[in-house]
Each structure stands twice: as C-alpha cells, then as structure tokens.
Amino acid sequence: MPLYLVLPTGIWAALEGAVTLRSMRGQADADRRRARAGILLGTIAIIVPLAVLAWACWQLRDI
C-alpha cells in the first residue's frame, strides 16, 4: 500500500467504525469489538503519520 494512502485510509476506518458503532445502538447481542478496533486503528493511522511529519519538519528546521 502506498504511504500516501495511509492517512485517508485511517480517516475512513475511524469514520466507518464510528458509523457502524452508532448503527449497533440498541442491539444487545451486537459485537462491538470490530467497530471499536476500526476506530482505534484508524486513529493510530491518523496520528502516527502526522507525528512523523511534525517531527520531520521540526528536524529540518534546524538544518
């Protein structure tokens, strides 16, 4: 997977997990672990590239 698609895929995973979790509201027998995992992994896929980009900009500023 190309690295430039990580951020949009992370955003999509977090949003889709949130929508799925919301649609499960009121269903007592629904397994919410996959929706929560999508939100968690999507959030990680958003934060890590942004943190690396911020770190790279900070390091390049000192050159």
N, C-alpha and C. Protein backbone atom coordinates (compact mmCIF):
# COMPACT_ATOMS: atom_id res chain seq x y z
N MET A 1 0.85 -1.17 0.00
CA MET A 1 0.00 0.00 0.00
C MET A 1 0.90 1.24 0.00
N PRO A 2 0.67 2.14 -0.91
CA PRO A 2 1.48 3.36 -0.94
C PRO A 2 1.31 4.18 0.34
N LEU A 3 2.37 4.79 0.78
CA LEU A 3 2.34 5.53 2.04
C LEU A 3 1.41 6.74 2.00
N TYR A 4 1.19 7.32 0.83
CA TYR A 4 0.33 8.50 0.76
C TYR A 4 -1.14 8.14 0.95
N LEU A 5 -1.47 6.87 0.97
CA LEU A 5 -2.86 6.45 1.20
C LEU A 5 -3.14 6.09 2.66
N VAL A 6 -2.11 6.15 3.52
CA VAL A 6 -2.31 5.76 4.92
C VAL A 6 -3.24 6.72 5.63
N LEU A 7 -3.04 8.02 5.46
CA LEU A 7 -3.87 9.00 6.15
C LEU A 7 -5.34 8.94 5.70
N PRO A 8 -5.64 8.94 4.40
CA PRO A 8 -7.06 8.81 4.01
C PRO A 8 -7.69 7.49 4.45
N THR A 9 -6.92 6.42 4.44
CA THR A 9 -7.45 5.13 4.88
C THR A 9 -7.72 5.15 6.38
N GLY A 10 -6.86 5.80 7.14
CA GLY A 10 -7.09 5.92 8.58
C GLY A 10 -8.32 6.73 8.89
N ILE A 11 -8.52 7.82 8.17
CA ILE A 11 -9.72 8.64 8.35
C ILE A 11 -10.96 7.82 8.02
N TRP A 12 -10.90 7.10 6.92
CA TRP A 12 -12.04 6.28 6.51
C TRP A 12 -12.34 5.20 7.55
N ALA A 13 -11.29 4.54 8.09
CA ALA A 13 -11.50 3.48 9.07
C ALA A 13 -12.13 4.03 10.35
N ALA A 14 -11.66 5.17 10.81
CA ALA A 14 -12.22 5.76 12.03
C ALA A 14 -13.68 6.17 11.82
N LEU A 15 -13.97 6.78 10.70
CA LEU A 15 -15.35 7.19 10.42
C LEU A 15 -16.27 6.00 10.25
N GLU A 16 -15.82 5.01 9.52
CA GLU A 16 -16.65 3.82 9.30
C GLU A 16 -16.88 3.07 10.60
N GLY A 17 -15.87 3.00 11.47
CA GLY A 17 -16.05 2.36 12.77
C GLY A 17 -17.06 3.11 13.61
N ALA A 18 -17.00 4.45 13.57
CA ALA A 18 -17.95 5.26 14.34
C ALA A 18 -19.38 5.09 13.82
N VAL A 19 -19.53 5.07 12.50
CA VAL A 19 -20.86 4.88 11.91
C VAL A 19 -21.41 3.50 12.25
N THR A 20 -20.57 2.49 12.17
CA THR A 20 -21.00 1.13 12.49
C THR A 20 -21.37 1.00 13.96
N LEU A 21 -20.56 1.60 14.82
CA LEU A 21 -20.84 1.55 16.25
C LEU A 21 -22.17 2.25 16.56
N ARG A 22 -22.42 3.34 15.88
CA ARG A 22 -23.69 4.06 16.10
C ARG A 22 -24.88 3.25 15.60
N SER A 23 -24.70 2.53 14.49
CA SER A 23 -25.81 1.73 13.96
C SER A 23 -26.10 0.51 14.83
N MET A 24 -25.16 0.11 15.66
CA MET A 24 -25.37 -1.03 16.56
C MET A 24 -26.10 -0.64 17.83
N ARG A 25 -26.38 0.64 18.00
CA ARG A 25 -27.06 1.12 19.20
C ARG A 25 -28.42 0.44 19.33
N GLY A 26 -28.69 -0.07 20.52
CA GLY A 26 -29.97 -0.72 20.76
C GLY A 26 -29.96 -2.21 20.49
N GLN A 27 -28.90 -2.74 19.93
CA GLN A 27 -28.81 -4.17 19.66
C GLN A 27 -27.98 -4.81 20.78
N ALA A 28 -28.64 -5.54 21.63
CA ALA A 28 -27.98 -6.11 22.80
C ALA A 28 -26.98 -7.22 22.43
N ASP A 29 -27.26 -7.96 21.37
CA ASP A 29 -26.40 -9.07 21.02
C ASP A 29 -25.30 -8.70 20.01
N ALA A 30 -25.16 -7.43 19.68
CA ALA A 30 -24.15 -7.00 18.70
C ALA A 30 -22.76 -7.04 19.31
N ASP A 31 -21.79 -7.46 18.51
CA ASP A 31 -20.39 -7.49 18.94
C ASP A 31 -19.72 -6.20 18.47
N ARG A 32 -19.41 -5.34 19.40
CA ARG A 32 -18.90 -4.01 19.07
C ARG A 32 -17.37 -3.97 18.99
N ARG A 33 -16.70 -5.07 19.19
CA ARG A 33 -15.23 -5.07 19.21
C ARG A 33 -14.63 -4.68 17.86
N ARG A 34 -15.21 -5.14 16.78
CA ARG A 34 -14.65 -4.82 15.46
C ARG A 34 -14.81 -3.35 15.13
N ALA A 35 -15.93 -2.76 15.51
CA ALA A 35 -16.14 -1.33 15.27
C ALA A 35 -15.16 -0.51 16.10
N ARG A 36 -14.98 -0.89 17.35
CA ARG A 36 -14.03 -0.18 18.22
C ARG A 36 -12.60 -0.37 17.73
N ALA A 37 -12.27 -1.54 17.22
CA ALA A 37 -10.94 -1.77 16.66
C ALA A 37 -10.71 -0.89 15.43
N GLY A 38 -11.74 -0.72 14.62
CA GLY A 38 -11.62 0.16 13.45
C GLY A 38 -11.37 1.60 13.86
N ILE A 39 -12.06 2.05 14.90
CA ILE A 39 -11.85 3.40 15.39
C ILE A 39 -10.43 3.55 15.94
N LEU A 40 -9.99 2.58 16.73
CA LEU A 40 -8.66 2.63 17.33
C LEU A 40 -7.56 2.60 16.27
N LEU A 41 -7.64 1.66 15.35
CA LEU A 41 -6.61 1.56 14.32
C LEU A 41 -6.64 2.74 13.35
N GLY A 42 -7.82 3.23 13.07
CA GLY A 42 -7.92 4.42 12.23
C GLY A 42 -7.30 5.63 12.90
N THR A 43 -7.53 5.77 14.19
CA THR A 43 -6.95 6.88 14.93
C THR A 43 -5.43 6.77 14.96
N ILE A 44 -4.92 5.57 15.16
CA ILE A 44 -3.47 5.37 15.13
C ILE A 44 -2.92 5.68 13.75
N ALA A 45 -3.64 5.28 12.70
CA ALA A 45 -3.19 5.55 11.33
C ALA A 45 -3.26 7.03 10.98
N ILE A 46 -4.00 7.81 11.74
CA ILE A 46 -4.04 9.26 11.54
C ILE A 46 -2.93 9.93 12.33
N ILE A 47 -2.76 9.53 13.59
CA ILE A 47 -1.82 10.20 14.49
C ILE A 47 -0.36 9.94 14.12
N VAL A 48 -0.01 8.71 13.79
CA VAL A 48 1.39 8.37 13.54
C VAL A 48 1.96 9.14 12.34
N PRO A 49 1.31 9.17 11.17
CA PRO A 49 1.89 9.95 10.06
C PRO A 49 1.98 11.44 10.36
N LEU A 50 0.98 11.98 11.07
CA LEU A 50 1.04 13.39 11.41
C LEU A 50 2.17 13.68 12.39
N ALA A 51 2.40 12.77 13.34
CA ALA A 51 3.50 12.94 14.28
C ALA A 51 4.85 12.84 13.57
N VAL A 52 4.98 11.91 12.65
CA VAL A 52 6.23 11.78 11.89
C VAL A 52 6.46 13.02 11.02
N LEU A 53 5.42 13.53 10.42
CA LEU A 53 5.54 14.73 9.60
C LEU A 53 5.94 15.93 10.46
N ALA A 54 5.34 16.07 11.64
CA ALA A 54 5.70 17.17 12.54
C ALA A 54 7.14 17.04 13.01
N TRP A 55 7.56 15.81 13.32
CA TRP A 55 8.94 15.58 13.74
C TRP A 55 9.91 15.91 12.61
N ALA A 56 9.59 15.50 11.38
CA ALA A 56 10.47 15.78 10.25
C ALA A 56 10.58 17.28 9.99
N CYS A 57 9.47 17.98 10.08
CA CYS A 57 9.52 19.45 9.90
C CYS A 57 10.35 20.09 11.00
N TRP A 58 10.24 19.61 12.23
CA TRP A 58 11.00 20.16 13.33
C TRP A 58 12.48 19.90 13.14
N GLN A 59 12.84 18.71 12.66
CA GLN A 59 14.25 18.38 12.45
C GLN A 59 14.83 19.16 11.26
N LEU A 60 14.05 19.34 10.21
CA LEU A 60 14.54 20.05 9.04
C LEU A 60 14.65 21.57 9.28
N ARG A 61 13.95 22.06 10.26
CA ARG A 61 14.01 23.47 10.60
C ARG A 61 15.38 23.84 11.16
N ASP A 62 16.04 22.88 11.82
CA ASP A 62 17.32 23.13 12.45
C ASP A 62 18.51 22.99 11.50
N ILE A 63 18.28 22.58 10.28
CA ILE A 63 19.39 22.40 9.32
C ILE A 63 19.85 23.73 8.78
